[in-house]
Structure formats: structure tokens, C-alpha cells
Amino acid sequence: MMPDLLHRYGPDLLTGFGMTLFTWALGTLLGFALGFAIELLRRFGPKRLAWPIRAYVEFIRGTPFLVQLFVLYYGGPLIGLRLDALPAGVLGLTIYGSAYFTEILRAGFDAVPKGQIEAARAMGFTDGVIVRRIMVPVMMVSALPALVNFAIILTKETVILSMITVPEIMFQTQTMMSETFAFVEPILILALFFWGFVEVISRLGRRLERRFTHYLLERS
């Protein structure tokens, strides 16, 4: 039965795979960028921003992604924010991911040896140069495993987007199950897809780790 299902629903599954890949990639990149900006604000911005940033991070980390997504998609119109399913899904992943990326980056920045920063300041480097040339490369080496791990977690969070009708692979799998009344085979296909997806991300993460480490060794 599996070959028949793949033959009949293969194009829809490929479409769902493309949508999953798109939402995950965009949500992860935007979430990382937002998390990086938030951490820089917390670290170098006005002290009065520390409490709002902490409240934002703790609130997002302390509530389920499904609840956040429903509030954004169904509650948004109450404040004039009307989004289609796809933009709401990407924005939801971005907001959800940013809080976790902020904390991962905080730990990475804290791992930068203070002696290197003090030496750079003694040499007259500006904060911008210190962040770009010293703190970010060292931080990325220590934070990269956690960043990759959370990127993997976000791949699985994309299935929740099916709850607001984003046509990603879980949505397509549910359609297959409702039309064929087959449950084991579609779930197996879904599991194999995510297993392969995670394997690819893990391998790319290990390659990035080696490159960052090699880059730092060359500079030292």
C-alpha cells in the first residue's frame, strides 16, 4: 500500500515538504536575527531595557508555541493585525525562536574570556569592533551546538502550523489520512521525512562547527 500512497500523494507531499522547508528556514533565520538583536540590546543597550527583554524572553519560553500561534492568528484581528496563515506561521516561529536564540547567545557571549575583551579595549578597539572581531567568532564556537540543536527543535514545531491551515507536510499527511483512512503508512512517511531532515541539519551543523573552530585557530 505504501507505493500506491506515494504514487498518489507524492506531489502533495513534495509540496508540503517545500512549505515545511520554507517556513522552517525563514522562521529560523528571522528568529536568530531577532534574538541576536535582542541580546545586543540587552548587553549594550540602555539598562532600562533589561527588564522588558527578560519579561519577553520568559513569557515566550513559558508558554506553548500552539497557544502563541493561536493568539497571533485568531487574536491578532482584535488589535488590527490580520495575517494570512503563512505569514502568521512564519511570524509565530520567528517570535518563538527569538526568545530561545536570545538565551543561547547570552550563554555564548558569557563564555567569551573577559581577558580578550579587556585587552582589546586597552588597545583602543571600539565596542563595535570588539563585538564583530572578537566576541561573535568566539561566541559562535561555543554556542553553535546549542543553536543547531534548537534549529532541529524548530523543524518539529513546524507541524503545529497545520493547525492554522498552513499547507506544510503535516497538513498534507492529515489530508492523506482523512481521504484514505490509512494511518500507519502516512505517519511512517512523516517520521522518515523528519528523520532525514534532522540528519541533514545535524551534518551541516557539525561542518559549520569545524569551520568556525578552524577559523579561530587560523587567527590565533
N, C-alpha and C. Protein backbone atom coordinates (compact mmCIF):
# COMPACT_ATOMS: atom_id res chain seq x y z
N MET A 1 0.81 -1.20 0.00
CA MET A 1 0.00 0.00 0.00
C MET A 1 0.86 1.27 0.00
N MET A 2 2.05 1.17 0.58
CA MET A 2 2.92 2.32 0.65
C MET A 2 3.26 2.88 -0.72
N PRO A 3 3.66 2.03 -1.71
CA PRO A 3 3.94 2.58 -3.05
C PRO A 3 2.74 3.27 -3.67
N ASP A 4 1.54 2.72 -3.48
CA ASP A 4 0.34 3.35 -4.02
C ASP A 4 0.11 4.73 -3.41
N LEU A 5 0.31 4.84 -2.09
CA LEU A 5 0.13 6.13 -1.42
C LEU A 5 1.15 7.15 -1.92
N LEU A 6 2.39 6.70 -2.08
CA LEU A 6 3.43 7.61 -2.55
C LEU A 6 3.15 8.06 -3.98
N HIS A 7 2.65 7.13 -4.80
CA HIS A 7 2.35 7.49 -6.19
C HIS A 7 1.20 8.49 -6.25
N ARG A 8 0.20 8.28 -5.42
CA ARG A 8 -1.00 9.14 -5.46
C ARG A 8 -0.77 10.49 -4.79
N TYR A 9 -0.07 10.47 -3.64
CA TYR A 9 0.08 11.69 -2.85
C TYR A 9 1.49 12.27 -2.90
N GLY A 10 2.35 11.66 -3.69
CA GLY A 10 3.73 12.14 -3.78
C GLY A 10 3.84 13.63 -4.09
N PRO A 11 3.16 14.13 -5.13
CA PRO A 11 3.25 15.57 -5.44
C PRO A 11 2.80 16.46 -4.28
N ASP A 12 1.70 16.06 -3.60
CA ASP A 12 1.24 16.85 -2.46
C ASP A 12 2.24 16.83 -1.31
N LEU A 13 2.85 15.66 -1.09
CA LEU A 13 3.85 15.56 -0.03
C LEU A 13 5.08 16.39 -0.35
N LEU A 14 5.47 16.41 -1.62
CA LEU A 14 6.61 17.25 -2.02
C LEU A 14 6.30 18.73 -1.83
N THR A 15 5.05 19.10 -2.16
CA THR A 15 4.64 20.48 -1.92
C THR A 15 4.68 20.82 -0.43
N GLY A 16 4.19 19.88 0.38
CA GLY A 16 4.22 20.07 1.83
C GLY A 16 5.64 20.14 2.36
N PHE A 17 6.52 19.31 1.79
CA PHE A 17 7.93 19.34 2.18
C PHE A 17 8.54 20.71 1.87
N GLY A 18 8.25 21.23 0.68
CA GLY A 18 8.77 22.54 0.31
C GLY A 18 8.27 23.63 1.25
N MET A 19 7.00 23.55 1.62
CA MET A 19 6.44 24.54 2.53
C MET A 19 7.06 24.42 3.93
N THR A 20 7.26 23.19 4.39
CA THR A 20 7.92 22.99 5.68
C THR A 20 9.32 23.56 5.67
N LEU A 21 10.07 23.26 4.60
CA LEU A 21 11.43 23.76 4.48
C LEU A 21 11.45 25.29 4.46
N PHE A 22 10.51 25.89 3.72
CA PHE A 22 10.46 27.34 3.61
C PHE A 22 10.14 27.99 4.95
N THR A 23 9.10 27.51 5.63
CA THR A 23 8.70 28.12 6.90
C THR A 23 9.78 27.92 7.95
N TRP A 24 10.39 26.74 7.97
CA TRP A 24 11.44 26.48 8.95
C TRP A 24 12.65 27.38 8.70
N ALA A 25 13.11 27.44 7.44
CA ALA A 25 14.31 28.23 7.13
C ALA A 25 14.08 29.71 7.43
N LEU A 26 12.94 30.23 6.98
CA LEU A 26 12.67 31.65 7.19
C LEU A 26 12.45 31.96 8.67
N GLY A 27 11.67 31.12 9.35
CA GLY A 27 11.44 31.34 10.77
C GLY A 27 12.71 31.23 11.59
N THR A 28 13.59 30.28 11.23
CA THR A 28 14.85 30.11 11.96
C THR A 28 15.78 31.29 11.74
N LEU A 29 15.94 31.71 10.49
CA LEU A 29 16.84 32.84 10.20
C LEU A 29 16.34 34.13 10.83
N LEU A 30 15.05 34.40 10.69
CA LEU A 30 14.50 35.62 11.28
C LEU A 30 14.52 35.55 12.81
N GLY A 31 14.25 34.37 13.35
CA GLY A 31 14.30 34.21 14.81
C GLY A 31 15.70 34.42 15.34
N PHE A 32 16.70 33.89 14.62
CA PHE A 32 18.09 34.09 15.03
C PHE A 32 18.46 35.57 14.96
N ALA A 33 18.08 36.22 13.85
CA ALA A 33 18.41 37.65 13.69
C ALA A 33 17.75 38.48 14.80
N LEU A 34 16.49 38.19 15.10
CA LEU A 34 15.80 38.93 16.16
C LEU A 34 16.41 38.63 17.51
N GLY A 35 16.73 37.37 17.76
CA GLY A 35 17.37 37.00 19.03
C GLY A 35 18.73 37.65 19.19
N PHE A 36 19.49 37.73 18.10
CA PHE A 36 20.80 38.37 18.14
C PHE A 36 20.65 39.86 18.46
N ALA A 37 19.68 40.51 17.80
CA ALA A 37 19.44 41.94 18.05
C ALA A 37 19.01 42.17 19.50
N ILE A 38 18.13 41.30 20.01
CA ILE A 38 17.66 41.45 21.39
C ILE A 38 18.82 41.29 22.37
N GLU A 39 19.69 40.31 22.13
CA GLU A 39 20.82 40.09 23.03
C GLU A 39 21.79 41.26 22.99
N LEU A 40 22.03 41.84 21.82
CA LEU A 40 22.90 43.01 21.74
C LEU A 40 22.29 44.19 22.49
N LEU A 41 20.96 44.35 22.38
CA LEU A 41 20.29 45.43 23.12
C LEU A 41 20.42 45.20 24.63
N ARG A 42 20.25 43.96 25.04
CA ARG A 42 20.35 43.65 26.47
C ARG A 42 21.77 43.88 26.98
N ARG A 43 22.75 43.56 26.16
CA ARG A 43 24.15 43.63 26.58
C ARG A 43 24.74 45.03 26.47
N PHE A 44 24.36 45.75 25.41
CA PHE A 44 24.99 47.05 25.16
C PHE A 44 24.01 48.22 25.18
N GLY A 45 22.71 47.93 25.26
CA GLY A 45 21.71 48.99 25.23
C GLY A 45 21.49 49.60 26.60
N PRO A 46 20.53 50.51 26.68
CA PRO A 46 20.20 51.15 27.97
C PRO A 46 19.76 50.12 29.00
N LYS A 47 20.14 50.36 30.24
CA LYS A 47 19.83 49.43 31.32
C LYS A 47 18.31 49.25 31.50
N ARG A 48 17.55 50.29 31.15
CA ARG A 48 16.10 50.21 31.35
C ARG A 48 15.44 49.16 30.46
N LEU A 49 16.16 48.68 29.43
CA LEU A 49 15.60 47.66 28.55
C LEU A 49 15.75 46.25 29.12
N ALA A 50 16.57 46.11 30.15
CA ALA A 50 16.86 44.77 30.68
C ALA A 50 15.60 44.06 31.16
N TRP A 51 14.74 44.77 31.92
CA TRP A 51 13.55 44.12 32.46
C TRP A 51 12.55 43.76 31.36
N PRO A 52 12.20 44.67 30.41
CA PRO A 52 11.28 44.27 29.34
C PRO A 52 11.80 43.10 28.51
N ILE A 53 13.11 43.07 28.25
CA ILE A 53 13.67 41.96 27.48
C ILE A 53 13.55 40.66 28.26
N ARG A 54 13.85 40.71 29.53
CA ARG A 54 13.73 39.49 30.36
C ARG A 54 12.28 39.02 30.40
N ALA A 55 11.34 39.96 30.54
CA ALA A 55 9.92 39.59 30.58
C ALA A 55 9.50 38.95 29.26
N TYR A 56 9.95 39.51 28.14
CA TYR A 56 9.61 38.96 26.82
C TYR A 56 10.15 37.54 26.68
N VAL A 57 11.42 37.37 27.01
CA VAL A 57 12.04 36.05 26.88
C VAL A 57 11.34 35.02 27.75
N GLU A 58 11.08 35.37 29.00
CA GLU A 58 10.46 34.41 29.92
C GLU A 58 9.03 34.09 29.52
N PHE A 59 8.31 35.09 29.01
CA PHE A 59 6.93 34.83 28.60
C PHE A 59 6.88 33.88 27.40
N ILE A 60 7.72 34.14 26.41
CA ILE A 60 7.72 33.29 25.22
C ILE A 60 8.19 31.88 25.57
N ARG A 61 9.20 31.76 26.40
CA ARG A 61 9.69 30.44 26.78
C ARG A 61 8.72 29.72 27.71
N GLY A 62 7.88 30.47 28.41
CA GLY A 62 6.99 29.86 29.40
C GLY A 62 5.61 29.51 28.89
N THR A 63 5.33 29.79 27.60
CA THR A 63 4.02 29.47 27.04
C THR A 63 4.18 28.57 25.82
N PRO A 64 3.24 27.65 25.58
CA PRO A 64 3.36 26.73 24.44
C PRO A 64 3.29 27.47 23.11
N PHE A 65 4.01 26.97 22.13
CA PHE A 65 4.00 27.58 20.81
C PHE A 65 2.60 27.57 20.20
N LEU A 66 1.83 26.51 20.44
CA LEU A 66 0.48 26.44 19.90
C LEU A 66 -0.38 27.59 20.43
N VAL A 67 -0.25 27.89 21.71
CA VAL A 67 -1.02 28.99 22.30
C VAL A 67 -0.60 30.32 21.67
N GLN A 68 0.70 30.53 21.52
CA GLN A 68 1.20 31.76 20.91
C GLN A 68 0.68 31.91 19.48
N LEU A 69 0.68 30.80 18.75
CA LEU A 69 0.24 30.84 17.36
C LEU A 69 -1.25 31.16 17.26
N PHE A 70 -2.05 30.57 18.12
CA PHE A 70 -3.49 30.85 18.13
C PHE A 70 -3.77 32.31 18.50
N VAL A 71 -3.04 32.82 19.49
CA VAL A 71 -3.22 34.23 19.89
C VAL A 71 -2.86 35.14 18.72
N LEU A 72 -1.78 34.83 18.02
CA LEU A 72 -1.34 35.66 16.90
C LEU A 72 -2.32 35.60 15.74
N TYR A 73 -2.78 34.40 15.41
CA TYR A 73 -3.61 34.22 14.21
C TYR A 73 -5.07 34.59 14.46
N TYR A 74 -5.61 34.11 15.58
CA TYR A 74 -7.03 34.35 15.86
C TYR A 74 -7.25 35.61 16.70
N GLY A 75 -6.28 35.96 17.53
CA GLY A 75 -6.42 37.15 18.35
C GLY A 75 -5.90 38.41 17.71
N GLY A 76 -5.05 38.26 16.71
CA GLY A 76 -4.48 39.42 16.04
C GLY A 76 -5.50 40.40 15.50
N PRO A 77 -6.58 39.91 14.84
CA PRO A 77 -7.59 40.84 14.32
C PRO A 77 -8.22 41.74 15.38
N LEU A 78 -8.21 41.33 16.64
CA LEU A 78 -8.78 42.15 17.69
C LEU A 78 -8.00 43.45 17.89
N ILE A 79 -6.71 43.43 17.50
CA ILE A 79 -5.90 44.65 17.62
C ILE A 79 -5.50 45.17 16.23
N GLY A 80 -6.21 44.71 15.21
CA GLY A 80 -5.96 45.21 13.86
C GLY A 80 -4.87 44.48 13.10
N LEU A 81 -4.37 43.36 13.64
CA LEU A 81 -3.32 42.59 12.98
C LEU A 81 -3.96 41.40 12.27
N ARG A 82 -4.21 41.54 10.98
CA ARG A 82 -4.85 40.48 10.21
C ARG A 82 -3.82 39.84 9.28
N LEU A 83 -3.48 38.60 9.57
CA LEU A 83 -2.46 37.89 8.81
C LEU A 83 -3.04 36.63 8.21
N ASP A 84 -2.60 36.31 6.98
CA ASP A 84 -2.93 35.01 6.41
C ASP A 84 -2.17 33.93 7.16
N ALA A 85 -2.52 32.68 6.89
CA ALA A 85 -1.94 31.57 7.65
C ALA A 85 -0.42 31.51 7.52
N LEU A 86 0.10 31.66 6.30
CA LEU A 86 1.54 31.52 6.11
C LEU A 86 2.34 32.63 6.81
N PRO A 87 2.00 33.92 6.60
CA PRO A 87 2.73 34.95 7.33
C PRO A 87 2.60 34.81 8.85
N ALA A 88 1.42 34.41 9.32
CA ALA A 88 1.24 34.21 10.76
C ALA A 88 2.12 33.08 11.27
N GLY A 89 2.24 32.01 10.48
CA GLY A 89 3.08 30.89 10.88
C GLY A 89 4.55 31.27 10.94
N VAL A 90 5.03 31.99 9.93
CA VAL A 90 6.44 32.41 9.92
C VAL A 90 6.71 33.39 11.06
N LEU A 91 5.80 34.34 11.25
CA LEU A 91 5.97 35.30 12.35
C LEU A 91 5.94 34.59 13.70
N GLY A 92 5.06 33.61 13.84
CA GLY A 92 5.00 32.86 15.08
C GLY A 92 6.30 32.12 15.37
N LEU A 93 6.85 31.46 14.36
CA LEU A 93 8.14 30.76 14.52
C LEU A 93 9.25 31.75 14.86
N THR A 94 9.21 32.93 14.22
CA THR A 94 10.23 33.95 14.47
C THR A 94 10.21 34.41 15.92
N ILE A 95 9.02 34.74 16.40
CA ILE A 95 8.90 35.22 17.79
C ILE A 95 9.27 34.12 18.77
N TYR A 96 8.76 32.92 18.52
CA TYR A 96 9.05 31.79 19.41
C TYR A 96 10.54 31.49 19.45
N GLY A 97 11.15 31.43 18.26
CA GLY A 97 12.57 31.12 18.20
C GLY A 97 13.46 32.19 18.79
N SER A 98 13.05 33.46 18.65
CA SER A 98 13.91 34.56 19.08
C SER A 98 14.22 34.49 20.57
N ALA A 99 13.24 34.10 21.37
CA ALA A 99 13.45 34.04 22.82
C ALA A 99 14.51 32.99 23.17
N TYR A 100 14.44 31.84 22.53
CA TYR A 100 15.41 30.78 22.82
C TYR A 100 16.79 31.14 22.25
N PHE A 101 16.81 31.71 21.06
CA PHE A 101 18.09 32.11 20.49
C PHE A 101 18.75 33.18 21.36
N THR A 102 17.95 34.09 21.92
CA THR A 102 18.50 35.12 22.80
C THR A 102 19.23 34.50 23.98
N GLU A 103 18.63 33.50 24.59
CA GLU A 103 19.25 32.86 25.75
C GLU A 103 20.49 32.06 25.35
N ILE A 104 20.43 31.40 24.22
CA ILE A 104 21.60 30.65 23.75
C ILE A 104 22.76 31.60 23.48
N LEU A 105 22.47 32.72 22.83
CA LEU A 105 23.51 33.71 22.53
C LEU A 105 24.04 34.37 23.80
N ARG A 106 23.16 34.58 24.78
CA ARG A 106 23.62 35.14 26.06
C ARG A 106 24.67 34.23 26.68
N ALA A 107 24.38 32.93 26.71
CA ALA A 107 25.36 31.99 27.27
C ALA A 107 26.64 31.97 26.45
N GLY A 108 26.51 32.07 25.12
CA GLY A 108 27.69 32.09 24.26
C GLY A 108 28.55 33.31 24.50
N PHE A 109 27.93 34.48 24.62
CA PHE A 109 28.68 35.71 24.90
C PHE A 109 29.34 35.64 26.27
N ASP A 110 28.65 35.07 27.25
CA ASP A 110 29.22 34.95 28.59
C ASP A 110 30.45 34.05 28.61
N ALA A 111 30.55 33.16 27.62
CA ALA A 111 31.69 32.24 27.57
C ALA A 111 32.94 32.87 26.96
N VAL A 112 32.82 34.07 26.40
CA VAL A 112 33.99 34.74 25.82
C VAL A 112 34.91 35.17 26.96
N PRO A 113 36.20 34.79 26.92
CA PRO A 113 37.12 35.18 28.00
C PRO A 113 37.18 36.70 28.18
N LYS A 114 36.99 37.15 29.40
CA LYS A 114 36.99 38.58 29.67
C LYS A 114 38.36 39.21 29.40
N GLY A 115 39.42 38.41 29.53
CA GLY A 115 40.76 38.93 29.27
C GLY A 115 40.93 39.41 27.84
N GLN A 116 40.30 38.68 26.88
CA GLN A 116 40.39 39.09 25.49
C GLN A 116 39.70 40.43 25.26
N ILE A 117 38.55 40.62 25.90
CA ILE A 117 37.81 41.88 25.75
C ILE A 117 38.59 43.04 26.37
N GLU A 118 39.15 42.81 27.57
CA GLU A 118 39.90 43.87 28.23
C GLU A 118 41.15 44.23 27.44
N ALA A 119 41.80 43.22 26.86
CA ALA A 119 42.99 43.50 26.06
C ALA A 119 42.63 44.32 24.83
N ALA A 120 41.50 44.00 24.19
CA ALA A 120 41.07 44.74 23.01
C ALA A 120 40.74 46.19 23.36
N ARG A 121 40.10 46.39 24.51
CA ARG A 121 39.78 47.76 24.93
C ARG A 121 41.05 48.54 25.26
N ALA A 122 42.03 47.86 25.85
CA ALA A 122 43.30 48.52 26.16
C ALA A 122 44.02 48.96 24.89
N MET A 123 43.77 48.23 23.80
CA MET A 123 44.39 48.58 22.52
C MET A 123 43.59 49.65 21.77
N GLY A 124 42.47 50.10 22.35
CA GLY A 124 41.71 51.18 21.75
C GLY A 124 40.63 50.75 20.80
N PHE A 125 40.27 49.45 20.78
CA PHE A 125 39.21 48.98 19.89
C PHE A 125 37.86 49.49 20.39
N THR A 126 36.99 49.85 19.46
CA THR A 126 35.64 50.27 19.81
C THR A 126 34.79 49.04 20.15
N ASP A 127 33.63 49.28 20.80
CA ASP A 127 32.75 48.16 21.14
C ASP A 127 32.30 47.41 19.89
N GLY A 128 32.03 48.16 18.81
CA GLY A 128 31.59 47.51 17.58
C GLY A 128 32.64 46.56 17.03
N VAL A 129 33.89 46.99 17.04
CA VAL A 129 34.99 46.13 16.54
C VAL A 129 35.18 44.93 17.46
N ILE A 130 35.08 45.17 18.77
CA ILE A 130 35.26 44.07 19.73
C ILE A 130 34.17 43.00 19.53
N VAL A 131 32.93 43.46 19.34
CA VAL A 131 31.84 42.51 19.13
C VAL A 131 32.05 41.74 17.84
N ARG A 132 32.38 42.45 16.75
CA ARG A 132 32.47 41.83 15.43
C ARG A 132 33.69 40.93 15.28
N ARG A 133 34.84 41.37 15.79
CA ARG A 133 36.08 40.65 15.53
C ARG A 133 36.48 39.67 16.62
N ILE A 134 35.96 39.85 17.83
CA ILE A 134 36.39 39.00 18.95
C ILE A 134 35.22 38.22 19.54
N MET A 135 34.19 38.95 19.98
CA MET A 135 33.13 38.28 20.73
C MET A 135 32.29 37.34 19.87
N VAL A 136 31.87 37.80 18.67
CA VAL A 136 31.00 36.96 17.84
C VAL A 136 31.68 35.67 17.40
N PRO A 137 32.93 35.70 16.86
CA PRO A 137 33.54 34.42 16.46
C PRO A 137 33.71 33.44 17.61
N VAL A 138 34.18 33.94 18.78
CA VAL A 138 34.36 33.05 19.92
C VAL A 138 33.02 32.54 20.43
N MET A 139 32.03 33.44 20.48
CA MET A 139 30.69 33.05 20.93
C MET A 139 30.09 31.98 20.05
N MET A 140 30.27 32.12 18.74
CA MET A 140 29.65 31.16 17.82
C MET A 140 30.21 29.76 18.01
N VAL A 141 31.49 29.65 18.31
CA VAL A 141 32.08 28.32 18.52
C VAL A 141 31.44 27.63 19.71
N SER A 142 31.24 28.35 20.80
CA SER A 142 30.66 27.73 21.99
C SER A 142 29.15 27.55 21.88
N ALA A 143 28.48 28.46 21.15
CA ALA A 143 27.02 28.42 21.08
C ALA A 143 26.49 27.57 19.94
N LEU A 144 27.33 27.27 18.95
CA LEU A 144 26.83 26.61 17.75
C LEU A 144 26.12 25.28 18.01
N PRO A 145 26.65 24.39 18.85
CA PRO A 145 25.92 23.14 19.10
C PRO A 145 24.50 23.38 19.62
N ALA A 146 24.35 24.34 20.55
CA ALA A 146 23.01 24.64 21.08
C ALA A 146 22.14 25.30 20.02
N LEU A 147 22.72 26.14 19.17
CA LEU A 147 21.96 26.78 18.10
C LEU A 147 21.44 25.74 17.11
N VAL A 148 22.30 24.79 16.75
CA VAL A 148 21.89 23.73 15.82
C VAL A 148 20.82 22.86 16.45
N ASN A 149 21.00 22.56 17.74
CA ASN A 149 20.01 21.73 18.43
C ASN A 149 18.64 22.40 18.46
N PHE A 150 18.63 23.72 18.70
CA PHE A 150 17.33 24.39 18.71
C PHE A 150 16.76 24.52 17.31
N ALA A 151 17.61 24.68 16.30
CA ALA A 151 17.12 24.69 14.92
C ALA A 151 16.44 23.36 14.59
N ILE A 152 16.97 22.26 15.13
CA ILE A 152 16.35 20.95 14.95
C ILE A 152 14.99 20.91 15.65
N ILE A 153 14.92 21.46 16.85
CA ILE A 153 13.64 21.50 17.56
C ILE A 153 12.61 22.27 16.76
N LEU A 154 13.03 23.36 16.12
CA LEU A 154 12.09 24.15 15.33
C LEU A 154 11.54 23.38 14.13
N THR A 155 12.31 22.43 13.59
CA THR A 155 11.77 21.63 12.48
C THR A 155 10.49 20.91 12.92
N LYS A 156 10.48 20.44 14.15
CA LYS A 156 9.32 19.70 14.64
C LYS A 156 8.17 20.63 15.03
N GLU A 157 8.50 21.86 15.39
CA GLU A 157 7.45 22.82 15.71
C GLU A 157 6.67 23.23 14.46
N THR A 158 7.25 23.04 13.29
CA THR A 158 6.54 23.44 12.07
C THR A 158 5.24 22.65 11.87
N VAL A 159 5.15 21.45 12.46
CA VAL A 159 3.92 20.67 12.28
C VAL A 159 2.73 21.38 12.91
N ILE A 160 2.98 22.23 13.91
CA ILE A 160 1.87 22.94 14.57
C ILE A 160 1.23 23.95 13.62
N LEU A 161 1.96 24.38 12.59
CA LEU A 161 1.40 25.33 11.64
C LEU A 161 0.21 24.75 10.90
N SER A 162 0.11 23.42 10.85
CA SER A 162 -1.05 22.81 10.20
C SER A 162 -2.35 23.17 10.92
N MET A 163 -2.24 23.56 12.20
CA MET A 163 -3.43 23.91 12.98
C MET A 163 -4.09 25.19 12.49
N ILE A 164 -3.32 26.03 11.77
CA ILE A 164 -3.91 27.25 11.20
C ILE A 164 -3.93 27.14 9.67
N THR A 165 -3.89 25.91 9.16
CA THR A 165 -4.06 25.56 7.74
C THR A 165 -2.88 25.96 6.86
N VAL A 166 -1.69 26.11 7.42
CA VAL A 166 -0.50 26.24 6.56
C VAL A 166 -0.27 24.88 5.90
N PRO A 167 -0.19 24.81 4.56
CA PRO A 167 -0.13 23.51 3.89
C PRO A 167 1.25 22.87 3.90
N GLU A 168 1.81 22.71 5.12
CA GLU A 168 3.11 22.04 5.23
C GLU A 168 2.90 20.53 5.25
N ILE A 169 3.94 19.79 5.54
CA ILE A 169 3.87 18.34 5.32
C ILE A 169 2.90 17.65 6.29
N MET A 170 2.75 18.16 7.50
CA MET A 170 1.79 17.57 8.42
C MET A 170 0.37 17.77 7.91
N PHE A 171 0.10 18.93 7.36
CA PHE A 171 -1.23 19.22 6.79
C PHE A 171 -1.52 18.25 5.65
N GLN A 172 -0.53 18.04 4.78
CA GLN A 172 -0.71 17.12 3.66
C GLN A 172 -0.87 15.68 4.13
N THR A 173 -0.15 15.32 5.19
CA THR A 173 -0.28 13.97 5.75
C THR A 173 -1.66 13.76 6.35
N GLN A 174 -2.18 14.75 7.04
CA GLN A 174 -3.54 14.65 7.60
C GLN A 174 -4.58 14.53 6.49
N THR A 175 -4.36 15.25 5.40
CA THR A 175 -5.27 15.12 4.25
C THR A 175 -5.24 13.71 3.70
N MET A 176 -4.04 13.15 3.59
CA MET A 176 -3.89 11.78 3.10
C MET A 176 -4.63 10.80 4.01
N MET A 177 -4.50 10.98 5.32
CA MET A 177 -5.15 10.06 6.25
C MET A 177 -6.67 10.18 6.19
N SER A 178 -7.18 11.39 6.06
CA SER A 178 -8.63 11.58 6.04
C SER A 178 -9.25 11.04 4.76
N GLU A 179 -8.50 11.04 3.67
CA GLU A 179 -9.04 10.57 2.39
C GLU A 179 -8.90 9.07 2.19
N THR A 180 -7.88 8.47 2.80
CA THR A 180 -7.61 7.04 2.58
C THR A 180 -7.94 6.17 3.79
N PHE A 181 -8.12 6.79 4.95
CA PHE A 181 -8.33 6.07 6.21
C PHE A 181 -7.15 5.17 6.55
N ALA A 182 -6.00 5.47 5.94
CA ALA A 182 -4.75 4.80 6.31
C ALA A 182 -4.03 5.71 7.30
N PHE A 183 -3.52 5.11 8.39
CA PHE A 183 -2.89 5.93 9.41
C PHE A 183 -1.43 5.56 9.63
N VAL A 184 -1.12 4.29 9.61
CA VAL A 184 0.25 3.86 9.90
C VAL A 184 1.20 4.34 8.82
N GLU A 185 0.85 4.11 7.56
CA GLU A 185 1.76 4.46 6.46
C GLU A 185 2.03 5.96 6.37
N PRO A 186 0.99 6.83 6.43
CA PRO A 186 1.28 8.26 6.39
C PRO A 186 2.15 8.75 7.55
N ILE A 187 1.89 8.22 8.75
CA ILE A 187 2.70 8.63 9.90
C ILE A 187 4.13 8.14 9.73
N LEU A 188 4.30 6.95 9.16
CA LEU A 188 5.65 6.44 8.92
C LEU A 188 6.38 7.32 7.90
N ILE A 189 5.68 7.72 6.86
CA ILE A 189 6.28 8.62 5.86
C ILE A 189 6.70 9.93 6.53
N LEU A 190 5.83 10.47 7.38
CA LEU A 190 6.13 11.71 8.08
C LEU A 190 7.36 11.56 8.98
N ALA A 191 7.42 10.44 9.70
CA ALA A 191 8.56 10.20 10.60
C ALA A 191 9.86 10.08 9.81
N LEU A 192 9.83 9.38 8.68
CA LEU A 192 11.03 9.24 7.87
C LEU A 192 11.48 10.58 7.30
N PHE A 193 10.52 11.41 6.93
CA PHE A 193 10.84 12.73 6.41
C PHE A 193 11.60 13.54 7.47
N PHE A 194 11.06 13.59 8.68
CA PHE A 194 11.70 14.40 9.71
C PHE A 194 13.03 13.81 10.14
N TRP A 195 13.14 12.50 10.14
CA TRP A 195 14.41 11.87 10.47
C TRP A 195 15.48 12.29 9.47
N GLY A 196 15.15 12.23 8.18
CA GLY A 196 16.11 12.65 7.16
C GLY A 196 16.43 14.14 7.25
N PHE A 197 15.42 14.94 7.51
CA PHE A 197 15.59 16.38 7.64
C PHE A 197 16.55 16.71 8.77
N VAL A 198 16.34 16.08 9.92
CA VAL A 198 17.19 16.33 11.09
C VAL A 198 18.62 15.87 10.82
N GLU A 199 18.78 14.75 10.14
CA GLU A 199 20.12 14.26 9.82
C GLU A 199 20.90 15.27 8.98
N VAL A 200 20.23 15.85 7.99
CA VAL A 200 20.88 16.85 7.14
C VAL A 200 21.31 18.06 7.95
N ILE A 201 20.42 18.57 8.80
CA ILE A 201 20.74 19.73 9.63
C ILE A 201 21.90 19.41 10.58
N SER A 202 21.89 18.23 11.17
CA SER A 202 22.96 17.84 12.09
C SER A 202 24.31 17.82 11.40
N ARG A 203 24.35 17.26 10.19
CA ARG A 203 25.61 17.19 9.44
C ARG A 203 26.10 18.59 9.06
N LEU A 204 25.17 19.45 8.65
CA LEU A 204 25.55 20.82 8.32
C LEU A 204 26.06 21.56 9.56
N GLY A 205 25.43 21.30 10.70
CA GLY A 205 25.88 21.93 11.94
C GLY A 205 27.28 21.50 12.32
N ARG A 206 27.59 20.22 12.19
CA ARG A 206 28.94 19.75 12.51
C ARG A 206 29.97 20.35 11.57
N ARG A 207 29.60 20.51 10.30
CA ARG A 207 30.52 21.12 9.35
C ARG A 207 30.78 22.59 9.71
N LEU A 208 29.72 23.30 10.08
CA LEU A 208 29.89 24.69 10.50
C LEU A 208 30.77 24.80 11.74
N GLU A 209 30.59 23.86 12.66
CA GLU A 209 31.42 23.85 13.87
C GLU A 209 32.89 23.73 13.52
N ARG A 210 33.21 22.82 12.63
CA ARG A 210 34.61 22.64 12.24
C ARG A 210 35.16 23.89 11.57
N ARG A 211 34.35 24.54 10.75
CA ARG A 211 34.82 25.74 10.05
C ARG A 211 35.07 26.89 11.01
N PHE A 212 34.18 27.10 11.96
CA PHE A 212 34.38 28.17 12.93
C PHE A 212 35.62 27.89 13.78
N THR A 213 35.78 26.64 14.20
CA THR A 213 36.95 26.29 15.00
C THR A 213 38.23 26.50 14.21
N HIS A 214 38.23 26.08 12.94
CA HIS A 214 39.39 26.26 12.08
C HIS A 214 39.69 27.74 11.88
N TYR A 215 38.65 28.55 11.74
CA TYR A 215 38.82 30.00 11.56
C TYR A 215 39.50 30.62 12.78
N LEU A 216 39.06 30.21 13.97
CA LEU A 216 39.67 30.77 15.17
C LEU A 216 41.12 30.32 15.34
N LEU A 217 41.38 29.06 14.98
CA LEU A 217 42.76 28.56 15.08
C LEU A 217 43.68 29.30 14.13
N GLU A 218 43.18 29.63 12.96
CA GLU A 218 44.00 30.37 12.00
C GLU A 218 44.33 31.77 12.50
N ARG A 219 43.38 32.37 13.24
CA ARG A 219 43.58 33.73 13.74
C ARG A 219 44.46 33.78 14.97
N SER A 220 44.53 32.66 15.68
CA SER A 220 45.30 32.67 16.94
C SER A 220 46.79 32.47 16.70
